[in-house]
Amino acid sequence: MGKLYYGSNGHEIEIEDRMLSHLKVVILAKLRRGESFAFSWTVDPEHGSGRGTVWLSPGVDLEFRFYGNRPPTLNRAWISALNSCAERGELSMVPEPADPNEGVPQLQGRL
């Protein structure tokens, strides 16, 4: 289970490593372009349930902390789905779709 640390106070959001790896690609691409956007997630029942939203902008401190020692192979279809969601104004954790390139050799952790 990875964590996304947000803001100067280090607010932490727990996110499974594979999901966090894909979110990182989308978030960093948008921030590199100078775009601001909302990021929302559902809080697990073991942590009190509910929902959370933060505003991400190029000036916000972010840290992506992964607990696995290997970056996963990235699913281009998932990155596209997450990016489409973000382009509509609010990035949220959508389920991983099947990868149409499954079985095609890819570099781990890179697109």
C-alpha atoms as a PDB file:
ATOM      1  CA  MET A   1       0.000   0.000   0.000  1.00  0.00           C
ATOM      2  CA  GLY A   2       1.539   3.266  -1.136  1.00  0.00           C
ATOM      3  CA  LYS A   3       0.865   6.810  -0.009  1.00  0.00           C
ATOM      4  CA  LEU A   4       0.396  10.144  -1.698  1.00  0.00           C
ATOM      5  CA  TYR A   5       1.543  12.944   0.605  1.00  0.00           C
ATOM      6  CA  TYR A   6      -0.196  16.218  -0.187  1.00  0.00           C
ATOM      7  CA  GLY A   7       0.616  19.781   0.813  1.00  0.00           C
ATOM      8  CA  SER A   8       3.132  21.265   3.192  1.00  0.00           C
ATOM      9  CA  ASN A   9       1.456  19.556   6.173  1.00  0.00           C
ATOM     10  CA  GLY A  10       2.006  16.125   4.557  1.00  0.00           C
ATOM     11  CA  HIS A  11      -1.647  14.980   4.496  1.00  0.00           C
ATOM     12  CA  GLU A  12      -1.434  11.325   3.476  1.00  0.00           C
ATOM     13  CA  ILE A  13      -3.731   9.378   1.201  1.00  0.00           C
ATOM     14  CA  GLU A  14      -3.303   5.580   1.129  1.00  0.00           C
ATOM     15  CA  ILE A  15      -3.432   4.130  -2.374  1.00  0.00           C
ATOM     16  CA  GLU A  16      -2.465   0.680  -3.600  1.00  0.00           C
ATOM     17  CA  ASP A  17       0.969   0.806  -5.311  1.00  0.00           C
ATOM     18  CA  ARG A  18      -0.270  -0.230  -8.770  1.00  0.00           C
ATOM     19  CA  MET A  19      -3.009   2.421  -8.790  1.00  0.00           C
ATOM     20  CA  LEU A  20      -0.598   5.024  -7.395  1.00  0.00           C
ATOM     21  CA  SER A  21       1.906   4.308 -10.186  1.00  0.00           C
ATOM     22  CA  HIS A  22      -0.754   5.037 -12.807  1.00  0.00           C
ATOM     23  CA  LEU A  23      -2.070   8.113 -10.990  1.00  0.00           C
ATOM     24  CA  LYS A  24       1.500   9.440 -10.784  1.00  0.00           C
ATOM     25  CA  VAL A  25       1.842   9.387 -14.578  1.00  0.00           C
ATOM     26  CA  VAL A  26      -1.417  11.320 -15.059  1.00  0.00           C
ATOM     27  CA  ILE A  27      -0.877  13.778 -12.193  1.00  0.00           C
ATOM     28  CA  LEU A  28       2.698  14.666 -13.153  1.00  0.00           C
ATOM     29  CA  ALA A  29       1.778  15.127 -16.829  1.00  0.00           C
ATOM     30  CA  LYS A  30      -1.009  17.560 -15.924  1.00  0.00           C
ATOM     31  CA  LEU A  31       1.151  19.473 -13.447  1.00  0.00           C
ATOM     32  CA  ARG A  32       4.006  19.701 -15.977  1.00  0.00           C
ATOM     33  CA  ARG A  33       1.530  21.428 -18.319  1.00  0.00           C
ATOM     34  CA  GLY A  34       0.644  23.887 -15.551  1.00  0.00           C
ATOM     35  CA  GLU A  35      -2.885  22.498 -15.112  1.00  0.00           C
ATOM     36  CA  SER A  36      -4.789  22.514 -11.821  1.00  0.00           C
ATOM     37  CA  PHE A  37      -7.514  19.974 -11.063  1.00  0.00           C
ATOM     38  CA  ALA A  38      -9.401  18.126  -8.327  1.00  0.00           C
ATOM     39  CA  PHE A  39      -8.437  14.625  -7.209  1.00  0.00           C
ATOM     40  CA  SER A  40     -11.073  12.574  -5.369  1.00  0.00           C
ATOM     41  CA  TRP A  41     -11.036   9.158  -3.729  1.00  0.00           C
ATOM     42  CA  THR A  42     -13.165   6.900  -1.570  1.00  0.00           C
ATOM     43  CA  VAL A  43     -12.008   6.254   1.986  1.00  0.00           C
ATOM     44  CA  ASP A  44     -11.880   2.570   2.943  1.00  0.00           C
ATOM     45  CA  PRO A  45     -14.339   1.493   5.663  1.00  0.00           C
ATOM     46  CA  GLU A  46     -11.366   0.450   7.839  1.00  0.00           C
ATOM     47  CA  HIS A  47     -10.334   4.126   7.872  1.00  0.00           C
ATOM     48  CA  GLY A  48     -13.793   5.524   8.604  1.00  0.00           C
ATOM     49  CA  SER A  49     -15.475   5.463   5.174  1.00  0.00           C
ATOM     50  CA  GLY A  50     -16.494   8.518   3.193  1.00  0.00           C
ATOM     51  CA  ARG A  51     -14.865  10.474   0.401  1.00  0.00           C
ATOM     52  CA  GLY A  52     -12.024  12.940   0.074  1.00  0.00           C
ATOM     53  CA  THR A  53     -11.027  15.592  -2.466  1.00  0.00           C
ATOM     54  CA  VAL A  54      -7.933  17.775  -2.790  1.00  0.00           C
ATOM     55  CA  TRP A  55      -7.055  20.498  -5.277  1.00  0.00           C
ATOM     56  CA  LEU A  56      -3.826  19.762  -7.146  1.00  0.00           C
ATOM     57  CA  SER A  57      -1.877  22.586  -8.733  1.00  0.00           C
ATOM     58  CA  PRO A  58       1.747  23.067  -9.798  1.00  0.00           C
ATOM     59  CA  GLY A  59       2.595  24.865  -6.529  1.00  0.00           C
ATOM     60  CA  VAL A  60       1.398  22.069  -4.204  1.00  0.00           C
ATOM     61  CA  ASP A  61       3.939  19.794  -2.518  1.00  0.00           C
ATOM     62  CA  LEU A  62       3.429  16.135  -3.500  1.00  0.00           C
ATOM     63  CA  GLU A  63       5.305  12.985  -2.631  1.00  0.00           C
ATOM     64  CA  PHE A  64       4.550   9.554  -4.059  1.00  0.00           C
ATOM     65  CA  ARG A  65       5.714   6.827  -1.650  1.00  0.00           C
ATOM     66  CA  PHE A  66       5.676   3.235  -2.869  1.00  0.00           C
ATOM     67  CA  TYR A  67       6.188   0.242  -0.619  1.00  0.00           C
ATOM     68  CA  GLY A  68       6.922  -2.253  -3.371  1.00  0.00           C
ATOM     69  CA  ASN A  69      10.504  -2.282  -4.622  1.00  0.00           C
ATOM     70  CA  ARG A  70       9.654  -2.745  -8.319  1.00  0.00           C
ATOM     71  CA  PRO A  71       7.638  -0.412 -10.526  1.00  0.00           C
ATOM     72  CA  PRO A  72       4.744  -2.228 -12.216  1.00  0.00           C
ATOM     73  CA  THR A  73       4.305  -2.555 -15.950  1.00  0.00           C
ATOM     74  CA  LEU A  74       2.035   0.334 -16.839  1.00  0.00           C
ATOM     75  CA  ASN A  75      -1.320  -0.239 -18.522  1.00  0.00           C
ATOM     76  CA  ARG A  76      -1.778   2.374 -21.265  1.00  0.00           C
ATOM     77  CA  ALA A  77      -5.542   1.814 -21.311  1.00  0.00           C
ATOM     78  CA  TRP A  78      -5.752   2.623 -17.595  1.00  0.00           C
ATOM     79  CA  ILE A  79      -3.656   5.765 -17.974  1.00  0.00           C
ATOM     80  CA  SER A  80      -5.938   6.843 -20.805  1.00  0.00           C
ATOM     81  CA  ALA A  81      -9.051   6.183 -18.677  1.00  0.00           C
ATOM     82  CA  LEU A  82      -7.604   8.131 -15.728  1.00  0.00           C
ATOM     83  CA  ASN A  83      -6.557  10.975 -18.015  1.00  0.00           C
ATOM     84  CA  SER A  84     -10.034  11.131 -19.602  1.00  0.00           C
ATOM     85  CA  CYS A  85     -11.530  11.372 -16.134  1.00  0.00           C
ATOM     86  CA  ALA A  86      -9.128  14.191 -15.209  1.00  0.00           C
ATOM     87  CA  GLU A  87      -9.881  16.063 -18.438  1.00  0.00           C
ATOM     88  CA  ARG A  88     -13.544  16.176 -17.378  1.00  0.00           C
ATOM     89  CA  GLY A  89     -12.450  18.166 -14.328  1.00  0.00           C
ATOM     90  CA  GLU A  90     -11.945  15.646 -11.538  1.00  0.00           C
ATOM     91  CA  LEU A  91      -9.408  12.838 -11.404  1.00  0.00           C
ATOM     92  CA  SER A  92     -10.720   9.818  -9.520  1.00  0.00           C
ATOM     93  CA  MET A  93      -9.616   6.234  -9.113  1.00  0.00           C
ATOM     94  CA  VAL A  94     -11.386   4.344 -11.891  1.00  0.00           C
ATOM     95  CA  PRO A  95     -11.019   0.543 -12.121  1.00  0.00           C
ATOM     96  CA  GLU A  96      -8.271  -0.887 -14.296  1.00  0.00           C
ATOM     97  CA  PRO A  97      -9.518  -1.837 -17.766  1.00  0.00           C
ATOM     98  CA  ALA A  98      -8.078  -4.712 -19.760  1.00  0.00           C
ATOM     99  CA  ASP A  99      -4.852  -3.705 -21.484  1.00  0.00           C
ATOM    100  CA  PRO A 100      -5.203  -4.070 -25.270  1.00  0.00           C
ATOM    101  CA  ASN A 101      -1.390  -4.415 -25.446  1.00  0.00           C
ATOM    102  CA  GLU A 102      -1.272  -7.311 -22.987  1.00  0.00           C
ATOM    103  CA  GLY A 103       1.403  -9.740 -24.009  1.00  0.00           C
ATOM    104  CA  VAL A 104       3.350  -7.033 -25.870  1.00  0.00           C
ATOM    105  CA  PRO A 105       6.743  -6.444 -24.194  1.00  0.00           C
ATOM    106  CA  GLN A 106       6.928  -3.049 -22.443  1.00  0.00           C
ATOM    107  CA  LEU A 107       9.430  -1.283 -20.243  1.00  0.00           C
ATOM    108  CA  GLN A 108       8.496  -1.450 -16.574  1.00  0.00           C
ATOM    109  CA  GLY A 109       7.387   1.827 -15.063  1.00  0.00           C
ATOM    110  CA  ARG A 110       7.649   3.758 -18.325  1.00  0.00           C
ATOM    111  CA  LEU A 111       5.501   4.574 -21.324  1.00  0.00           C
END
